[in-house]
PDB file of N, CA and C in Angstrom:
ATOM      1  N   MET A   1      25.319 -65.033  -1.464  1.00  0.00           N
ATOM      2  CA  MET A   1      24.902 -65.346  -0.166  1.00  0.00           C
ATOM      3  C   MET A   1      25.448 -64.468   0.698  1.00  0.00           C
ATOM      4  N   LYS A   2      24.587 -63.846   1.635  1.00  0.00           N
ATOM      5  CA  LYS A   2      25.168 -62.895   2.706  1.00  0.00           C
ATOM      6  C   LYS A   2      25.977 -63.518   3.698  1.00  0.00           C
ATOM      7  N   ASN A   3      26.825 -62.850   4.272  1.00  0.00           N
ATOM      8  CA  ASN A   3      27.615 -63.305   5.335  1.00  0.00           C
ATOM      9  C   ASN A   3      28.208 -62.234   6.206  1.00  0.00           C
ATOM     10  N   ARG A   4      28.752 -62.479   7.328  1.00  0.00           N
ATOM     11  CA  ARG A   4      29.267 -61.586   8.355  1.00  0.00           C
ATOM     12  C   ARG A   4      30.758 -61.579   8.338  1.00  0.00           C
ATOM     13  N   ILE A   5      31.560 -62.056   7.295  1.00  0.00           N
ATOM     14  CA  ILE A   5      32.920 -62.126   7.373  1.00  0.00           C
ATOM     15  C   ILE A   5      33.512 -60.875   7.502  1.00  0.00           C
ATOM     16  N   ALA A   6      33.174 -59.783   6.830  1.00  0.00           N
ATOM     17  CA  ALA A   6      33.880 -58.476   6.914  1.00  0.00           C
ATOM     18  C   ALA A   6      33.672 -57.940   8.372  1.00  0.00           C
ATOM     19  N   GLU A   7      32.318 -58.007   8.810  1.00  0.00           N
ATOM     20  CA  GLU A   7      32.145 -57.650  10.137  1.00  0.00           C
ATOM     21  C   GLU A   7      32.979 -58.362  11.152  1.00  0.00           C
ATOM     22  N   LEU A   8      33.003 -59.683  11.140  1.00  0.00           N
ATOM     23  CA  LEU A   8      33.845 -60.435  12.041  1.00  0.00           C
ATOM     24  C   LEU A   8      35.304 -60.071  11.898  1.00  0.00           C
ATOM     25  N   ARG A   9      35.793 -59.907  10.757  1.00  0.00           N
ATOM     26  CA  ARG A   9      37.120 -59.568  10.688  1.00  0.00           C
ATOM     27  C   ARG A   9      37.479 -58.185  11.305  1.00  0.00           C
ATOM     28  N   LYS A  10      36.516 -57.151  11.034  1.00  0.00           N
ATOM     29  CA  LYS A  10      36.769 -55.843  11.552  1.00  0.00           C
ATOM     30  C   LYS A  10      36.747 -55.888  13.116  1.00  0.00           C
ATOM     31  N   GLU A  11      35.855 -56.632  13.691  1.00  0.00           N
ATOM     32  CA  GLU A  11      35.700 -56.707  15.104  1.00  0.00           C
ATOM     33  C   GLU A  11      36.986 -57.292  15.734  1.00  0.00           C
ATOM     34  N   ARG A  12      37.642 -58.171  14.988  1.00  0.00           N
ATOM     35  CA  ARG A  12      38.899 -58.803  15.534  1.00  0.00           C
ATOM     36  C   ARG A  12      40.103 -58.163  14.903  1.00  0.00           C
ATOM     37  N   LYS A  13      39.918 -57.120  14.182  1.00  0.00           N
ATOM     38  CA  LYS A  13      41.141 -56.477  13.590  1.00  0.00           C
ATOM     39  C   LYS A  13      42.101 -57.257  12.724  1.00  0.00           C
ATOM     40  N   ILE A  14      41.378 -58.120  11.881  1.00  0.00           N
ATOM     41  CA  ILE A  14      41.957 -59.179  11.028  1.00  0.00           C
ATOM     42  C   ILE A  14      41.935 -58.726   9.559  1.00  0.00           C
ATOM     43  N   SER A  15      43.047 -58.684   8.791  1.00  0.00           N
ATOM     44  CA  SER A  15      42.957 -58.355   7.434  1.00  0.00           C
ATOM     45  C   SER A  15      42.407 -59.630   6.534  1.00  0.00           C
ATOM     46  N   GLN A  16      42.091 -59.260   5.392  1.00  0.00           N
ATOM     47  CA  GLN A  16      41.608 -60.297   4.533  1.00  0.00           C
ATOM     48  C   GLN A  16      42.689 -61.315   4.215  1.00  0.00           C
ATOM     49  N   SER A  17      43.913 -60.731   4.175  1.00  0.00           N
ATOM     50  CA  SER A  17      45.107 -61.691   3.933  1.00  0.00           C
ATOM     51  C   SER A  17      45.359 -62.632   5.111  1.00  0.00           C
ATOM     52  N   VAL A  18      45.227 -62.073   6.241  1.00  0.00           N
ATOM     53  CA  VAL A  18      45.511 -62.989   7.428  1.00  0.00           C
ATOM     54  C   VAL A  18      44.384 -64.167   7.538  1.00  0.00           C
ATOM     55  N   LEU A  19      43.166 -63.766   7.200  1.00  0.00           N
ATOM     56  CA  LEU A  19      42.102 -64.775   7.211  1.00  0.00           C
ATOM     57  C   LEU A  19      42.313 -65.708   6.116  1.00  0.00           C
ATOM     58  N   ALA A  20      42.603 -65.199   5.032  1.00  0.00           N
ATOM     59  CA  ALA A  20      42.889 -66.112   3.710  1.00  0.00           C
ATOM     60  C   ALA A  20      43.965 -67.209   4.058  1.00  0.00           C
ATOM     61  N   ASP A  21      45.074 -66.571   4.664  1.00  0.00           N
ATOM     62  CA  ASP A  21      46.158 -67.560   5.101  1.00  0.00           C
ATOM     63  C   ASP A  21      45.660 -68.688   6.027  1.00  0.00           C
ATOM     64  N   ALA A  22      44.888 -68.238   7.018  1.00  0.00           N
ATOM     65  CA  ALA A  22      44.391 -69.055   8.026  1.00  0.00           C
ATOM     66  C   ALA A  22      43.456 -70.237   7.527  1.00  0.00           C
ATOM     67  N   VAL A  23      42.680 -69.925   6.429  1.00  0.00           N
ATOM     68  CA  VAL A  23      41.807 -70.902   5.873  1.00  0.00           C
ATOM     69  C   VAL A  23      42.271 -71.419   4.485  1.00  0.00           C
ATOM     70  N   PHE A  24      43.498 -71.145   4.200  1.00  0.00           N
ATOM     71  CA  PHE A  24      44.123 -71.743   2.962  1.00  0.00           C
ATOM     72  C   PHE A  24      43.544 -71.415   1.619  1.00  0.00           C
ATOM     73  N   VAL A  25      43.200 -70.133   1.469  1.00  0.00           N
ATOM     74  CA  VAL A  25      42.602 -69.607   0.203  1.00  0.00           C
ATOM     75  C   VAL A  25      43.403 -68.248  -0.133  1.00  0.00           C
ATOM     76  N   THR A  26      43.111 -67.609  -1.159  1.00  0.00           N
ATOM     77  CA  THR A  26      43.754 -66.249  -1.595  1.00  0.00           C
ATOM     78  C   THR A  26      42.900 -65.141  -0.940  1.00  0.00           C
ATOM     79  N   ARG A  27      43.514 -64.044  -0.808  1.00  0.00           N
ATOM     80  CA  ARG A  27      42.781 -62.817  -0.316  1.00  0.00           C
ATOM     81  C   ARG A  27      41.646 -62.586  -1.304  1.00  0.00           C
ATOM     82  N   GLN A  28      41.923 -62.780  -2.586  1.00  0.00           N
ATOM     83  CA  GLN A  28      40.825 -62.437  -3.694  1.00  0.00           C
ATOM     84  C   GLN A  28      39.561 -63.379  -3.318  1.00  0.00           C
ATOM     85  N   THR A  29      39.749 -64.530  -2.857  1.00  0.00           N
ATOM     86  CA  THR A  29      38.621 -65.468  -2.584  1.00  0.00           C
ATOM     87  C   THR A  29      37.844 -64.993  -1.370  1.00  0.00           C
ATOM     88  N   ILE A  30      38.517 -64.534  -0.364  1.00  0.00           N
ATOM     89  CA  ILE A  30      37.827 -63.793   0.753  1.00  0.00           C
ATOM     90  C   ILE A  30      37.076 -62.578   0.273  1.00  0.00           C
ATOM     91  N   THR A  31      37.682 -61.702  -0.418  1.00  0.00           N
ATOM     92  CA  THR A  31      37.111 -60.600  -1.038  1.00  0.00           C
ATOM     93  C   THR A  31      35.768 -60.971  -1.781  1.00  0.00           C
ATOM     94  N   SER A  32      35.780 -61.960  -2.705  1.00  0.00           N
ATOM     95  CA  SER A  32      34.709 -62.411  -3.530  1.00  0.00           C
ATOM     96  C   SER A  32      33.593 -62.973  -2.574  1.00  0.00           C
ATOM     97  N   ILE A  33      33.966 -63.677  -1.598  1.00  0.00           N
ATOM     98  CA  ILE A  33      32.882 -64.242  -0.611  1.00  0.00           C
ATOM     99  C   ILE A  33      32.296 -63.047  -0.011  1.00  0.00           C
ATOM    100  N   GLU A  34      33.017 -62.115   0.583  1.00  0.00           N
ATOM    101  CA  GLU A  34      32.567 -61.013   1.290  1.00  0.00           C
ATOM    102  C   GLU A  34      31.522 -60.089   0.620  1.00  0.00           C
ATOM    103  N   VAL A  35      31.830 -59.958  -0.699  1.00  0.00           N
ATOM    104  CA  VAL A  35      30.905 -59.101  -1.555  1.00  0.00           C
ATOM    105  C   VAL A  35      29.781 -59.900  -2.292  1.00  0.00           C
ATOM    106  N   GLY A  36      29.749 -61.255  -2.093  1.00  0.00           N
ATOM    107  CA  GLY A  36      28.743 -62.115  -2.688  1.00  0.00           C
ATOM    108  C   GLY A  36      28.897 -62.490  -3.990  1.00  0.00           C
ATOM    109  N   LYS A  37      30.100 -62.377  -4.534  1.00  0.00           N
ATOM    110  CA  LYS A  37      30.350 -62.860  -5.904  1.00  0.00           C
ATOM    111  C   LYS A  37      30.738 -64.226  -5.993  1.00  0.00           C
ATOM    112  N   TYR A  38      30.977 -64.936  -4.872  1.00  0.00           N
ATOM    113  CA  TYR A  38      31.414 -66.273  -4.749  1.00  0.00           C
ATOM    114  C   TYR A  38      30.777 -66.922  -3.501  1.00  0.00           C
ATOM    115  N   THR A  39      30.291 -68.143  -3.625  1.00  0.00           N
ATOM    116  CA  THR A  39      29.751 -68.927  -2.548  1.00  0.00           C
ATOM    117  C   THR A  39      30.761 -69.922  -2.131  1.00  0.00           C
ATOM    118  N   ALA A  40      31.135 -69.772  -0.841  1.00  0.00           N
ATOM    119  CA  ALA A  40      32.134 -70.720  -0.279  1.00  0.00           C
ATOM    120  C   ALA A  40      31.540 -72.133  -0.287  1.00  0.00           C
ATOM    121  N   SER A  41      32.511 -73.086  -0.517  1.00  0.00           N
ATOM    122  CA  SER A  41      32.118 -74.501  -0.526  1.00  0.00           C
ATOM    123  C   SER A  41      31.800 -74.767   1.024  1.00  0.00           C
ATOM    124  N   LEU A  42      31.170 -75.895   1.182  1.00  0.00           N
ATOM    125  CA  LEU A  42      30.852 -76.306   2.657  1.00  0.00           C
ATOM    126  C   LEU A  42      32.179 -76.388   3.371  1.00  0.00           C
ATOM    127  N   GLU A  43      33.181 -77.003   2.861  1.00  0.00           N
ATOM    128  CA  GLU A  43      34.463 -77.072   3.524  1.00  0.00           C
ATOM    129  C   GLU A  43      35.031 -75.811   3.821  1.00  0.00           C
ATOM    130  N   LEU A  44      35.044 -74.865   2.974  1.00  0.00           N
ATOM    131  CA  LEU A  44      35.524 -73.550   3.221  1.00  0.00           C
ATOM    132  C   LEU A  44      34.725 -72.807   4.265  1.00  0.00           C
ATOM    133  N   ALA A  45      33.449 -72.856   4.110  1.00  0.00           N
ATOM    134  CA  ALA A  45      32.576 -72.197   5.102  1.00  0.00           C
ATOM    135  C   ALA A  45      32.787 -72.759   6.517  1.00  0.00           C
ATOM    136  N   TYR A  46      33.138 -74.060   6.611  1.00  0.00           N
ATOM    137  CA  TYR A  46      33.322 -74.683   7.830  1.00  0.00           C
ATOM    138  C   TYR A  46      34.739 -74.001   8.442  1.00  0.00           C
ATOM    139  N   ARG A  47      35.673 -74.016   7.592  1.00  0.00           N
ATOM    140  CA  ARG A  47      37.076 -73.487   7.961  1.00  0.00           C
ATOM    141  C   ARG A  47      36.888 -71.947   8.488  1.00  0.00           C
ATOM    142  N   ILE A  48      36.118 -71.205   7.738  1.00  0.00           N
ATOM    143  CA  ILE A  48      35.935 -69.761   8.133  1.00  0.00           C
ATOM    144  C   ILE A  48      35.179 -69.703   9.449  1.00  0.00           C
ATOM    145  N   ALA A  49      34.063 -70.479   9.547  1.00  0.00           N
ATOM    146  CA  ALA A  49      33.329 -70.381  10.804  1.00  0.00           C
ATOM    147  C   ALA A  49      34.189 -70.905  11.977  1.00  0.00           C
ATOM    148  N   ASN A  50      34.981 -71.902  11.814  1.00  0.00           N
ATOM    149  CA  ASN A  50      35.824 -72.503  12.766  1.00  0.00           C
ATOM    150  C   ASN A  50      36.837 -71.526  13.206  1.00  0.00           C
ATOM    151  N   TYR A  51      37.390 -70.827  12.255  1.00  0.00           N
ATOM    152  CA  TYR A  51      38.448 -69.777  12.561  1.00  0.00           C
ATOM    153  C   TYR A  51      37.880 -68.730  13.459  1.00  0.00           C
ATOM    154  N   PHE A  52      36.623 -68.367  13.352  1.00  0.00           N
ATOM    155  CA  PHE A  52      36.054 -67.395  14.249  1.00  0.00           C
ATOM    156  C   PHE A  52      35.306 -68.026  15.505  1.00  0.00           C
ATOM    157  N   ASN A  53      35.505 -69.327  15.735  1.00  0.00           N
ATOM    158  CA  ASN A  53      34.883 -70.069  16.742  1.00  0.00           C
ATOM    159  C   ASN A  53      33.335 -69.924  16.806  1.00  0.00           C
ATOM    160  N   LEU A  54      32.766 -69.946  15.511  1.00  0.00           N
ATOM    161  CA  LEU A  54      31.293 -69.875  15.416  1.00  0.00           C
ATOM    162  C   LEU A  54      30.810 -71.026  14.562  1.00  0.00           C
ATOM    163  N   SER A  55      29.414 -71.166  14.580  1.00  0.00           N
ATOM    164  CA  SER A  55      28.756 -72.098  13.657  1.00  0.00           C
ATOM    165  C   SER A  55      28.687 -71.501  12.247  1.00  0.00           C
ATOM    166  N   ILE A  56      28.608 -72.388  11.277  1.00  0.00           N
ATOM    167  CA  ILE A  56      28.412 -71.850   9.898  1.00  0.00           C
ATOM    168  C   ILE A  56      27.198 -70.908   9.816  1.00  0.00           C
ATOM    169  N   GLU A  57      26.124 -71.213  10.493  1.00  0.00           N
ATOM    170  CA  GLU A  57      24.899 -70.436  10.468  1.00  0.00           C
ATOM    171  C   GLU A  57      25.111 -69.137  11.047  1.00  0.00           C
ATOM    172  N   GLU A  58      26.038 -69.020  11.994  1.00  0.00           N
ATOM    173  CA  GLU A  58      26.280 -67.649  12.544  1.00  0.00           C
ATOM    174  C   GLU A  58      27.226 -66.686  11.689  1.00  0.00           C
ATOM    175  N   VAL A  59      27.806 -67.346  10.692  1.00  0.00           N
ATOM    176  CA  VAL A  59      28.680 -66.538   9.750  1.00  0.00           C
ATOM    177  C   VAL A  59      27.998 -66.351   8.386  1.00  0.00           C
ATOM    178  N   PHE A  60      27.176 -67.402   7.983  1.00  0.00           N
ATOM    179  CA  PHE A  60      26.527 -67.166   6.595  1.00  0.00           C
ATOM    180  C   PHE A  60      25.051 -67.190   6.776  1.00  0.00           C
ATOM    181  N   ASP A  61      24.391 -66.404   6.001  1.00  0.00           N
ATOM    182  CA  ASP A  61      22.955 -66.245   5.980  1.00  0.00           C
ATOM    183  C   ASP A  61      22.323 -67.056   4.867  1.00  0.00           C
ATOM    184  N   PHE A  62      21.587 -68.221   5.323  1.00  0.00           N
ATOM    185  CA  PHE A  62      21.059 -69.037   4.229  1.00  0.00           C
ATOM    186  C   PHE A  62      19.720 -68.709   3.883  1.00  0.00           C
ATOM    187  N   SER A  63      19.102 -67.679   4.332  1.00  0.00           N
ATOM    188  CA  SER A  63      17.688 -67.317   4.138  1.00  0.00           C
ATOM    189  C   SER A  63      17.314 -67.019   2.758  1.00  0.00           C
ATOM    190  N   ASP A  64      18.348 -66.663   1.853  1.00  0.00           N
ATOM    191  CA  ASP A  64      18.044 -66.343   0.424  1.00  0.00           C
ATOM    192  C   ASP A  64      18.150 -67.607  -0.441  1.00  0.00           C
ATOM    193  N   LEU A  65      18.497 -68.820   0.133  1.00  0.00           N
ATOM    194  CA  LEU A  65      18.672 -69.921  -0.720  1.00  0.00           C
ATOM    195  C   LEU A  65      17.268 -70.436  -1.183  1.00  0.00           C
ATOM    196  N   GLU A  66      17.021 -70.631  -2.485  1.00  0.00           N
ATOM    197  CA  GLU A  66      15.897 -71.120  -3.038  1.00  0.00           C
ATOM    198  C   GLU A  66      15.548 -72.514  -2.575  1.00  0.00           C
ATOM    199  N   VAL A  67      16.524 -73.331  -2.389  1.00  0.00           N
ATOM    200  CA  VAL A  67      16.245 -74.720  -1.904  1.00  0.00           C
ATOM    201  C   VAL A  67      15.394 -74.732  -0.531  1.00  0.00           C
ATOM    202  N   LEU A  68      15.897 -73.930   0.270  1.00  0.00           N
ATOM    203  CA  LEU A  68      15.324 -73.808   1.584  1.00  0.00           C
ATOM    204  C   LEU A  68      13.838 -73.227   1.589  1.00  0.00           C
ATOM    205  N   LYS A  69      13.686 -72.358   0.688  1.00  0.00           N
ATOM    206  CA  LYS A  69      12.397 -71.634   0.564  1.00  0.00           C
ATOM    207  C   LYS A  69      11.367 -72.728  -0.013  1.00  0.00           C
ATOM    208  N   ASN A  70      11.801 -73.560  -0.827  1.00  0.00           N
ATOM    209  CA  ASN A  70      10.942 -74.658  -1.363  1.00  0.00           C
ATOM    210  C   ASN A  70      10.556 -75.762  -0.447  1.00  0.00           C
ATOM    211  N   GLU A  71      11.297 -75.841   0.693  1.00  0.00           N
ATOM    212  CA  GLU A  71      11.110 -76.939   1.640  1.00  0.00           C
ATOM    213  C   GLU A  71      10.202 -76.486   2.606  1.00  0.00           C
ATOM    214  N   ARG A  72       9.969 -75.185   2.784  1.00  0.00           N
ATOM    215  CA  ARG A  72       9.153 -74.609   3.910  1.00  0.00           C
ATOM    216  C   ARG A  72       7.696 -74.892   3.520  1.00  0.00           C
TER     217      ARG A  72
END
């Protein structure tokens, strides 16, 4: 799933480690989410979005999800 985490971190000059600590995961988890190797759980997506004071939809791109395509 595409996301804006790296972009948002760079805008705010925040390292992966700082974000990881703030949302209670490892730096490796943040790395994996940023490169699309891991999809954040709803709870983690909420924590990340909340950290940036954004909605989940403003951080994560759901347009590639097959479930959404089938409902249209």
